[in-house]
Amino acid sequence: MPRISALFSYPVKGCAGVPLSTAALTPAGVPHDRSWMVIDPSGTFRSQRADPRLALARPSVTADGARLTLGADGLEPVTLDVDATGPSRPVSLFGQPFTGIDQGSDAADWFTELLGRPSRLVRVPPDHRRVTDGRTPGTCGYADSGAVLVASLASLAELNERIAADGGRPLPMDRFRPNVVLDGLDRPHDEDGYGALETETARLEFAKPAIRCAVTLVDQRAGVRAGPEPLRTLAHYRRAPEGGVAFGVKFSVTRCGTLAVGDRPRITALDAAEV
């Protein structure tokens, strides 16, 4: 039976994840997940695609979301009193217009020094009303698309066996930046066929496969691009009908509740025609 082996939140889009033992889901997913985003002077989001050093930033946020601390090796940490009610400014995420609340000069200076390019930090405003697509619509903060990304250790093991067979080195799960990691699956990529995951209080429903991008090429510990894997190997056996390569699945939250490491969620399978 599948078991939740790890949980992560990524408070600042593109920055390091925060491991959790439990997570009280909101409609937008794991608490504080992608609630903040780094932008350039025009308001366009910054991503590890062009700014891999984002991975070096280690954010932590208080449970109530009132204070955010940013840390990275070689930089003085900064702790912010989060502005959740100030005026919003326009921001852009994959060409889509949203708004964000600017978090002030200390955050801007910190990310500008880290990335070597003018940057600012914004927070999701209270009136953020984003609708995500897929089989089960939902909402999320500044995530690429979808509230909760689920991947399995069985799928990672299959990928790493293929990489090793071609002379490469195995990759850690953090290349894929999941929120929920499952173990105990019978086969690699069984998660592709899950219509729903349900605990005693929470329910997640399938939205769509996770199509992977160049962020997976970034060594999350070093903050640099590190070769063609995993995209090169995934291209041999995980091409998606809609284009690109798939690893993991995006789910929408249809009932808020608690997930915990060690939970064994009940699984409802997708209809065979949808797999």
C-alpha atoms as a PDB file:
ATOM      1  CA  MET A   1       0.000   0.000   0.000  1.00  0.00           C
ATOM      2  CA  PRO A   2       1.404   3.441  -0.885  1.00  0.00           C
ATOM      3  CA  ARG A   3       2.785   5.430   2.027  1.00  0.00           C
ATOM      4  CA  ILE A   4       3.688   9.115   2.321  1.00  0.00           C
ATOM      5  CA  SER A   5       7.432   9.105   2.942  1.00  0.00           C
ATOM      6  CA  ALA A   6       8.094  12.856   2.701  1.00  0.00           C
ATOM      7  CA  LEU A   7       6.265  16.184   2.535  1.00  0.00           C
ATOM      8  CA  PHE A   8       7.631  19.525   1.339  1.00  0.00           C
ATOM      9  CA  SER A   9       6.553  23.133   1.075  1.00  0.00           C
ATOM     10  CA  TYR A  10       8.347  25.638  -1.178  1.00  0.00           C
ATOM     11  CA  PRO A  11       7.432  29.010   0.341  1.00  0.00           C
ATOM     12  CA  VAL A  12       9.321  31.086  -2.247  1.00  0.00           C
ATOM     13  CA  LYS A  13       8.868  29.927  -5.818  1.00  0.00           C
ATOM     14  CA  GLY A  14      12.136  28.537  -7.170  1.00  0.00           C
ATOM     15  CA  CYS A  15      13.872  28.412  -3.778  1.00  0.00           C
ATOM     16  CA  ALA A  16      14.694  25.453  -1.541  1.00  0.00           C
ATOM     17  CA  GLY A  17      11.970  23.324  -0.034  1.00  0.00           C
ATOM     18  CA  VAL A  18      11.055  22.986   3.621  1.00  0.00           C
ATOM     19  CA  PRO A  19      10.549  19.391   4.841  1.00  0.00           C
ATOM     20  CA  LEU A  20       7.421  18.832   6.899  1.00  0.00           C
ATOM     21  CA  SER A  21       6.160  16.035   9.117  1.00  0.00           C
ATOM     22  CA  THR A  22       2.526  17.096   8.736  1.00  0.00           C
ATOM     23  CA  ALA A  23       0.698  19.494   6.453  1.00  0.00           C
ATOM     24  CA  ALA A  24      -2.763  20.971   6.987  1.00  0.00           C
ATOM     25  CA  LEU A  25      -3.861  21.403   3.388  1.00  0.00           C
ATOM     26  CA  THR A  26      -5.487  24.588   2.147  1.00  0.00           C
ATOM     27  CA  PRO A  27      -7.366  24.846  -1.175  1.00  0.00           C
ATOM     28  CA  ALA A  28      -4.031  26.043  -2.634  1.00  0.00           C
ATOM     29  CA  GLY A  29      -2.110  23.022  -1.315  1.00  0.00           C
ATOM     30  CA  VAL A  30       0.529  22.640   1.374  1.00  0.00           C
ATOM     31  CA  PRO A  31       0.620  25.678   3.699  1.00  0.00           C
ATOM     32  CA  HIS A  32       2.602  28.636   2.300  1.00  0.00           C
ATOM     33  CA  ASP A  33       3.609  26.693  -0.828  1.00  0.00           C
ATOM     34  CA  ARG A  34       4.718  29.182  -3.518  1.00  0.00           C
ATOM     35  CA  SER A  35       3.107  32.021  -1.574  1.00  0.00           C
ATOM     36  CA  TRP A  36       6.080  34.269  -2.441  1.00  0.00           C
ATOM     37  CA  MET A  37       7.766  34.857  -5.787  1.00  0.00           C
ATOM     38  CA  VAL A  38      10.910  36.640  -6.937  1.00  0.00           C
ATOM     39  CA  ILE A  39      10.383  39.036  -9.837  1.00  0.00           C
ATOM     40  CA  ASP A  40      12.496  41.228 -12.106  1.00  0.00           C
ATOM     41  CA  PRO A  41      11.964  45.007 -12.347  1.00  0.00           C
ATOM     42  CA  SER A  42       9.209  44.517 -14.937  1.00  0.00           C
ATOM     43  CA  GLY A  43       7.261  42.168 -12.649  1.00  0.00           C
ATOM     44  CA  THR A  44       8.102  38.976 -14.538  1.00  0.00           C
ATOM     45  CA  PHE A  45       8.802  35.985 -12.312  1.00  0.00           C
ATOM     46  CA  ARG A  46      12.326  34.696 -11.884  1.00  0.00           C
ATOM     47  CA  SER A  47      12.881  30.954 -12.228  1.00  0.00           C
ATOM     48  CA  GLN A  48      15.713  28.473 -11.900  1.00  0.00           C
ATOM     49  CA  ARG A  49      15.467  28.132 -15.683  1.00  0.00           C
ATOM     50  CA  ALA A  50      17.429  31.385 -15.983  1.00  0.00           C
ATOM     51  CA  ASP A  51      18.459  31.937 -12.354  1.00  0.00           C
ATOM     52  CA  PRO A  52      19.606  28.592 -10.955  1.00  0.00           C
ATOM     53  CA  ARG A  53      21.067  30.314  -7.882  1.00  0.00           C
ATOM     54  CA  LEU A  54      17.511  30.645  -6.583  1.00  0.00           C
ATOM     55  CA  ALA A  55      17.974  27.056  -5.390  1.00  0.00           C
ATOM     56  CA  LEU A  56      20.527  28.297  -2.851  1.00  0.00           C
ATOM     57  CA  ALA A  57      17.952  30.379  -0.986  1.00  0.00           C
ATOM     58  CA  ARG A  58      16.578  28.577   2.076  1.00  0.00           C
ATOM     59  CA  PRO A  59      13.352  30.211   3.213  1.00  0.00           C
ATOM     60  CA  SER A  60      11.527  29.448   6.427  1.00  0.00           C
ATOM     61  CA  VAL A  61       8.176  30.822   7.466  1.00  0.00           C
ATOM     62  CA  THR A  62       6.370  30.868  10.774  1.00  0.00           C
ATOM     63  CA  ALA A  63       3.254  28.734  11.025  1.00  0.00           C
ATOM     64  CA  ASP A  64       1.015  31.799  10.876  1.00  0.00           C
ATOM     65  CA  GLY A  65       2.858  33.160   7.835  1.00  0.00           C
ATOM     66  CA  ALA A  66       3.668  36.419   9.616  1.00  0.00           C
ATOM     67  CA  ARG A  67       7.477  36.201   9.398  1.00  0.00           C
ATOM     68  CA  LEU A  68       9.695  34.942   6.594  1.00  0.00           C
ATOM     69  CA  THR A  69      13.425  34.288   6.989  1.00  0.00           C
ATOM     70  CA  LEU A  70      15.764  34.015   4.000  1.00  0.00           C
ATOM     71  CA  GLY A  71      19.134  32.319   4.295  1.00  0.00           C
ATOM     72  CA  ALA A  72      21.919  31.190   1.975  1.00  0.00           C
ATOM     73  CA  ASP A  73      25.566  30.286   2.422  1.00  0.00           C
ATOM     74  CA  GLY A  74      27.715  33.396   2.204  1.00  0.00           C
ATOM     75  CA  LEU A  75      24.859  35.847   2.762  1.00  0.00           C
ATOM     76  CA  GLU A  76      23.600  37.404   5.963  1.00  0.00           C
ATOM     77  CA  PRO A  77      20.116  36.056   6.684  1.00  0.00           C
ATOM     78  CA  VAL A  78      17.219  38.459   6.653  1.00  0.00           C
ATOM     79  CA  THR A  79      13.931  38.122   8.526  1.00  0.00           C
ATOM     80  CA  LEU A  80      10.893  39.944   7.199  1.00  0.00           C
ATOM     81  CA  ASP A  81       7.626  40.978   8.767  1.00  0.00           C
ATOM     82  CA  VAL A  82       5.404  39.740   5.977  1.00  0.00           C
ATOM     83  CA  ASP A  83       3.163  42.327   4.350  1.00  0.00           C
ATOM     84  CA  ALA A  84      -0.082  40.504   3.532  1.00  0.00           C
ATOM     85  CA  THR A  85      -2.396  43.494   3.129  1.00  0.00           C
ATOM     86  CA  GLY A  86      -0.448  46.216   1.342  1.00  0.00           C
ATOM     87  CA  PRO A  87      -1.130  47.519  -2.152  1.00  0.00           C
ATOM     88  CA  SER A  88      -0.724  45.062  -4.994  1.00  0.00           C
ATOM     89  CA  ARG A  89       1.411  45.492  -8.085  1.00  0.00           C
ATOM     90  CA  PRO A  90       1.117  43.691 -11.437  1.00  0.00           C
ATOM     91  CA  VAL A  91       3.226  40.556 -11.884  1.00  0.00           C
ATOM     92  CA  SER A  92       3.513  38.040 -14.708  1.00  0.00           C
ATOM     93  CA  LEU A  93       3.793  34.259 -14.502  1.00  0.00           C
ATOM     94  CA  PHE A  94       4.245  32.450 -17.832  1.00  0.00           C
ATOM     95  CA  GLY A  95       2.694  35.449 -19.525  1.00  0.00           C
ATOM     96  CA  GLN A  96      -0.412  35.367 -17.337  1.00  0.00           C
ATOM     97  CA  PRO A  97      -1.226  38.534 -15.394  1.00  0.00           C
ATOM     98  CA  PHE A  98      -1.506  38.306 -11.604  1.00  0.00           C
ATOM     99  CA  THR A  99      -0.781  40.655  -8.732  1.00  0.00           C
ATOM    100  CA  GLY A 100       1.575  40.530  -5.763  1.00  0.00           C
ATOM    101  CA  ILE A 101       2.274  42.495  -2.596  1.00  0.00           C
ATOM    102  CA  ASP A 102       5.829  43.810  -2.589  1.00  0.00           C
ATOM    103  CA  GLN A 103       7.815  42.717   0.495  1.00  0.00           C
ATOM    104  CA  GLY A 104      10.084  45.716   0.698  1.00  0.00           C
ATOM    105  CA  SER A 105      13.676  46.785   0.180  1.00  0.00           C
ATOM    106  CA  ASP A 106      15.367  44.296   2.540  1.00  0.00           C
ATOM    107  CA  ALA A 107      13.994  41.329   0.581  1.00  0.00           C
ATOM    108  CA  ALA A 108      14.750  43.053  -2.717  1.00  0.00           C
ATOM    109  CA  ASP A 109      18.352  43.763  -1.721  1.00  0.00           C
ATOM    110  CA  TRP A 110      18.854  40.206  -0.463  1.00  0.00           C
ATOM    111  CA  PHE A 111      17.684  38.550  -3.682  1.00  0.00           C
ATOM    112  CA  THR A 112      19.506  41.109  -5.814  1.00  0.00           C
ATOM    113  CA  GLU A 113      22.757  40.179  -4.067  1.00  0.00           C
ATOM    114  CA  LEU A 114      22.066  36.444  -4.329  1.00  0.00           C
ATOM    115  CA  LEU A 115      21.233  36.511  -8.043  1.00  0.00           C
ATOM    116  CA  GLY A 116      23.416  39.405  -9.175  1.00  0.00           C
ATOM    117  CA  ARG A 117      20.430  40.972 -10.927  1.00  0.00           C
ATOM    118  CA  PRO A 118      17.824  43.483  -9.749  1.00  0.00           C
ATOM    119  CA  SER A 119      15.042  41.551  -8.062  1.00  0.00           C
ATOM    120  CA  ARG A 120      12.107  42.020  -5.746  1.00  0.00           C
ATOM    121  CA  LEU A 121       9.953  39.674  -3.682  1.00  0.00           C
ATOM    122  CA  VAL A 122       6.148  39.628  -3.788  1.00  0.00           C
ATOM    123  CA  ARG A 123       3.506  37.732  -1.845  1.00  0.00           C
ATOM    124  CA  VAL A 124       0.185  36.306  -3.047  1.00  0.00           C
ATOM    125  CA  PRO A 125      -2.512  38.868  -2.179  1.00  0.00           C
ATOM    126  CA  PRO A 126      -5.670  37.946  -0.265  1.00  0.00           C
ATOM    127  CA  ASP A 127      -7.800  38.378  -3.396  1.00  0.00           C
ATOM    128  CA  HIS A 128      -5.702  35.916  -5.455  1.00  0.00           C
ATOM    129  CA  ARG A 129      -8.316  33.868  -7.321  1.00  0.00           C
ATOM    130  CA  ARG A 130      -6.311  31.656  -9.643  1.00  0.00           C
ATOM    131  CA  VAL A 131      -8.040  28.693 -11.290  1.00  0.00           C
ATOM    132  CA  THR A 132      -5.828  25.798 -12.389  1.00  0.00           C
ATOM    133  CA  ASP A 133      -6.656  23.440 -15.244  1.00  0.00           C
ATOM    134  CA  GLY A 134      -6.708  19.676 -15.704  1.00  0.00           C
ATOM    135  CA  ARG A 135      -9.196  16.891 -15.044  1.00  0.00           C
ATOM    136  CA  THR A 136      -9.936  18.380 -11.612  1.00  0.00           C
ATOM    137  CA  PRO A 137      -9.756  22.191 -11.549  1.00  0.00           C
ATOM    138  CA  GLY A 138      -8.373  23.784  -8.432  1.00  0.00           C
ATOM    139  CA  THR A 139      -6.312  26.718  -7.253  1.00  0.00           C
ATOM    140  CA  CYS A 140      -2.751  27.440  -6.163  1.00  0.00           C
ATOM    141  CA  GLY A 141      -0.439  30.292  -5.327  1.00  0.00           C
ATOM    142  CA  TYR A 142       2.480  31.018  -7.680  1.00  0.00           C
ATOM    143  CA  ALA A 143       3.136  27.344  -8.528  1.00  0.00           C
ATOM    144  CA  ASP A 144       3.639  26.635 -12.223  1.00  0.00           C
ATOM    145  CA  SER A 145       0.229  24.935 -12.303  1.00  0.00           C
ATOM    146  CA  GLY A 146      -1.573  22.764  -9.786  1.00  0.00           C
ATOM    147  CA  ALA A 147      -1.650  22.765  -6.019  1.00  0.00           C
ATOM    148  CA  VAL A 148       0.132  19.524  -5.087  1.00  0.00           C
ATOM    149  CA  LEU A 149       2.857  17.654  -6.978  1.00  0.00           C
ATOM    150  CA  VAL A 150       3.099  13.951  -6.147  1.00  0.00           C
ATOM    151  CA  ALA A 151       5.972  11.666  -7.162  1.00  0.00           C
ATOM    152  CA  SER A 152       7.103   8.220  -6.048  1.00  0.00           C
ATOM    153  CA  LEU A 153      10.389   6.658  -5.018  1.00  0.00           C
ATOM    154  CA  ALA A 154       9.629   3.754  -7.358  1.00  0.00           C
ATOM    155  CA  SER A 155       9.528   6.139 -10.312  1.00  0.00           C
ATOM    156  CA  LEU A 156      12.794   7.753  -9.245  1.00  0.00           C
ATOM    157  CA  ALA A 157      14.445   4.336  -8.864  1.00  0.00           C
ATOM    158  CA  GLU A 158      13.382   3.369 -12.398  1.00  0.00           C
ATOM    159  CA  LEU A 159      14.763   6.627 -13.779  1.00  0.00           C
ATOM    160  CA  ASN A 160      18.060   6.227 -11.928  1.00  0.00           C
ATOM    161  CA  GLU A 161      18.472   2.641 -13.136  1.00  0.00           C
ATOM    162  CA  ARG A 162      18.141   3.902 -16.702  1.00  0.00           C
ATOM    163  CA  ILE A 163      20.554   6.783 -16.094  1.00  0.00           C
ATOM    164  CA  ALA A 164      23.095   4.396 -14.524  1.00  0.00           C
ATOM    165  CA  ALA A 165      22.764   1.968 -17.432  1.00  0.00           C
ATOM    166  CA  ASP A 166      23.907   4.801 -19.708  1.00  0.00           C
ATOM    167  CA  GLY A 167      26.875   5.592 -17.449  1.00  0.00           C
ATOM    168  CA  GLY A 168      25.304   8.464 -15.511  1.00  0.00           C
ATOM    169  CA  ARG A 169      25.014   9.187 -11.804  1.00  0.00           C
ATOM    170  CA  PRO A 170      21.743   8.811  -9.883  1.00  0.00           C
ATOM    171  CA  LEU A 171      19.753  11.925  -9.096  1.00  0.00           C
ATOM    172  CA  PRO A 172      17.984  12.890  -5.861  1.00  0.00           C
ATOM    173  CA  MET A 173      14.249  13.497  -5.671  1.00  0.00           C
ATOM    174  CA  ASP A 174      14.815  17.199  -5.074  1.00  0.00           C
ATOM    175  CA  ARG A 175      15.420  17.661  -8.814  1.00  0.00           C
ATOM    176  CA  PHE A 176      11.637  17.266  -9.192  1.00  0.00           C
ATOM    177  CA  ARG A 177      10.586  19.480  -6.259  1.00  0.00           C
ATOM    178  CA  PRO A 178       7.570  17.399  -5.163  1.00  0.00           C
ATOM    179  CA  ASN A 179       5.181  18.245  -2.358  1.00  0.00           C
ATOM    180  CA  VAL A 180       4.313  14.618  -1.599  1.00  0.00           C
ATOM    181  CA  VAL A 181       6.690  11.669  -2.015  1.00  0.00           C
ATOM    182  CA  LEU A 182       5.202   8.165  -1.982  1.00  0.00           C
ATOM    183  CA  ASP A 183       6.860   4.818  -1.414  1.00  0.00           C
ATOM    184  CA  GLY A 184       5.437   1.303  -1.379  1.00  0.00           C
ATOM    185  CA  LEU A 185       4.142   1.425  -4.958  1.00  0.00           C
ATOM    186  CA  ASP A 186       3.974  -1.851  -6.866  1.00  0.00           C
ATOM    187  CA  ARG A 187       5.402  -0.361 -10.067  1.00  0.00           C
ATOM    188  CA  PRO A 188       7.148   2.802 -11.238  1.00  0.00           C
ATOM    189  CA  HIS A 189       4.729   5.553 -12.276  1.00  0.00           C
ATOM    190  CA  ASP A 190       1.705   3.877 -10.710  1.00  0.00           C
ATOM    191  CA  GLU A 191       0.885   7.367  -9.451  1.00  0.00           C
ATOM    192  CA  ASP A 192      -0.029   8.300 -13.026  1.00  0.00           C
ATOM    193  CA  GLY A 193      -3.185   6.219 -12.616  1.00  0.00           C
ATOM    194  CA  TYR A 194      -4.368   7.626  -9.287  1.00  0.00           C
ATOM    195  CA  GLY A 195      -7.685   9.427  -9.578  1.00  0.00           C
ATOM    196  CA  ALA A 196      -7.666  10.423  -5.912  1.00  0.00           C
ATOM    197  CA  LEU A 197      -5.635  10.132  -2.712  1.00  0.00           C
ATOM    198  CA  GLU A 198      -7.590  10.349   0.510  1.00  0.00           C
ATOM    199  CA  THR A 199      -6.680  10.402   4.189  1.00  0.00           C
ATOM    200  CA  GLU A 200      -9.121  10.548   7.098  1.00  0.00           C
ATOM    201  CA  THR A 201      -9.589  14.268   6.554  1.00  0.00           C
ATOM    202  CA  ALA A 202      -8.029  15.301   3.219  1.00  0.00           C
ATOM    203  CA  ARG A 203      -8.727  14.459  -0.406  1.00  0.00           C
ATOM    204  CA  LEU A 204      -6.601  15.163  -3.490  1.00  0.00           C
ATOM    205  CA  GLU A 205      -7.902  14.535  -7.008  1.00  0.00           C
ATOM    206  CA  PHE A 206      -5.955  14.030 -10.229  1.00  0.00           C
ATOM    207  CA  ALA A 207      -5.428  17.128 -12.360  1.00  0.00           C
ATOM    208  CA  LYS A 208      -2.759  16.206 -14.934  1.00  0.00           C
ATOM    209  CA  PRO A 209       0.699  14.737 -15.437  1.00  0.00           C
ATOM    210  CA  ALA A 210       3.618  16.959 -14.460  1.00  0.00           C
ATOM    211  CA  ILE A 211       5.477  17.963 -17.628  1.00  0.00           C
ATOM    212  CA  ARG A 212       9.084  18.577 -16.708  1.00  0.00           C
ATOM    213  CA  CYS A 213      11.232  21.538 -17.678  1.00  0.00           C
ATOM    214  CA  ALA A 214      14.846  22.686 -17.451  1.00  0.00           C
ATOM    215  CA  VAL A 215      14.566  23.244 -13.683  1.00  0.00           C
ATOM    216  CA  THR A 216      15.170  19.496 -13.310  1.00  0.00           C
ATOM    217  CA  LEU A 217      18.660  20.059 -14.774  1.00  0.00           C
ATOM    218  CA  VAL A 218      19.672  22.235 -11.805  1.00  0.00           C
ATOM    219  CA  ASP A 219      21.706  20.742  -8.972  1.00  0.00           C
ATOM    220  CA  GLN A 220      19.562  21.959  -6.088  1.00  0.00           C
ATOM    221  CA  ARG A 221      22.451  21.957  -3.635  1.00  0.00           C
ATOM    222  CA  ALA A 222      24.957  23.781  -5.831  1.00  0.00           C
ATOM    223  CA  GLY A 223      22.590  26.144  -7.640  1.00  0.00           C
ATOM    224  CA  VAL A 224      24.032  25.388 -11.085  1.00  0.00           C
ATOM    225  CA  ARG A 225      22.966  23.473 -14.164  1.00  0.00           C
ATOM    226  CA  ALA A 226      24.502  20.025 -14.075  1.00  0.00           C
ATOM    227  CA  GLY A 227      24.175  18.324 -17.442  1.00  0.00           C
ATOM    228  CA  PRO A 228      21.408  16.836 -19.542  1.00  0.00           C
ATOM    229  CA  GLU A 229      19.827  14.559 -16.959  1.00  0.00           C
ATOM    230  CA  PRO A 230      17.088  13.741 -16.183  1.00  0.00           C
ATOM    231  CA  LEU A 231      15.484  15.151 -19.335  1.00  0.00           C
ATOM    232  CA  ARG A 232      17.688  13.165 -21.695  1.00  0.00           C
ATOM    233  CA  THR A 233      16.737   9.812 -20.184  1.00  0.00           C
ATOM    234  CA  LEU A 234      13.085  10.718 -19.620  1.00  0.00           C
ATOM    235  CA  ALA A 235      12.841  11.543 -23.315  1.00  0.00           C
ATOM    236  CA  HIS A 236      13.533   7.882 -24.108  1.00  0.00           C
ATOM    237  CA  TYR A 237      10.543   6.484 -22.217  1.00  0.00           C
ATOM    238  CA  ARG A 238       8.329   9.195 -20.707  1.00  0.00           C
ATOM    239  CA  ARG A 239       7.235  11.358 -23.633  1.00  0.00           C
ATOM    240  CA  ALA A 240       3.778  12.821 -23.058  1.00  0.00           C
ATOM    241  CA  PRO A 241       1.120  12.947 -25.798  1.00  0.00           C
ATOM    242  CA  GLU A 242       0.746  16.693 -25.277  1.00  0.00           C
ATOM    243  CA  GLY A 243       4.511  17.199 -25.670  1.00  0.00           C
ATOM    244  CA  GLY A 244       7.478  17.167 -23.334  1.00  0.00           C
ATOM    245  CA  VAL A 245       8.305  14.489 -20.794  1.00  0.00           C
ATOM    246  CA  ALA A 246       6.340  13.572 -17.676  1.00  0.00           C
ATOM    247  CA  PHE A 247       7.461  12.721 -14.161  1.00  0.00           C
ATOM    248  CA  GLY A 248       5.008  12.937 -11.272  1.00  0.00           C
ATOM    249  CA  VAL A 249       1.394  14.033 -11.152  1.00  0.00           C
ATOM    250  CA  LYS A 250      -0.368  17.236 -10.196  1.00  0.00           C
ATOM    251  CA  PHE A 251      -3.387  17.030  -7.914  1.00  0.00           C
ATOM    252  CA  SER A 252      -6.021  19.525  -6.808  1.00  0.00           C
ATOM    253  CA  VAL A 253      -7.233  19.770  -3.226  1.00  0.00           C
ATOM    254  CA  THR A 254     -10.925  18.892  -3.106  1.00  0.00           C
ATOM    255  CA  ARG A 255     -11.177  18.488   0.662  1.00  0.00           C
ATOM    256  CA  CYS A 256      -8.920  20.318   3.074  1.00  0.00           C
ATOM    257  CA  GLY A 257      -7.425  18.226   5.839  1.00  0.00           C
ATOM    258  CA  THR A 258      -4.150  16.864   7.132  1.00  0.00           C
ATOM    259  CA  LEU A 259      -1.424  14.850   5.428  1.00  0.00           C
ATOM    260  CA  ALA A 260       1.374  13.336   7.496  1.00  0.00           C
ATOM    261  CA  VAL A 261       4.539  11.399   6.838  1.00  0.00           C
ATOM    262  CA  GLY A 262       3.626   7.770   7.427  1.00  0.00           C
ATOM    263  CA  ASP A 263       0.033   8.127   6.208  1.00  0.00           C
ATOM    264  CA  ARG A 264      -1.207   5.393   3.905  1.00  0.00           C
ATOM    265  CA  PRO A 265      -3.759   7.220   1.761  1.00  0.00           C
ATOM    266  CA  ARG A 266      -6.658   5.383   0.202  1.00  0.00           C
ATOM    267  CA  ILE A 267      -6.260   5.310  -3.563  1.00  0.00           C
ATOM    268  CA  THR A 268      -9.026   5.603  -6.144  1.00  0.00           C
ATOM    269  CA  ALA A 269      -7.904   4.628  -9.629  1.00  0.00           C
ATOM    270  CA  LEU A 270      -8.571   6.656 -12.737  1.00  0.00           C
ATOM    271  CA  ASP A 271     -10.855   5.104 -15.293  1.00  0.00           C
ATOM    272  CA  ALA A 272      -8.825   2.964 -17.668  1.00  0.00           C
ATOM    273  CA  ALA A 273      -9.661   5.309 -20.557  1.00  0.00           C
ATOM    274  CA  GLU A 274      -8.050   8.228 -18.710  1.00  0.00           C
ATOM    275  CA  VAL A 275      -4.725   6.555 -17.894  1.00  0.00           C
END
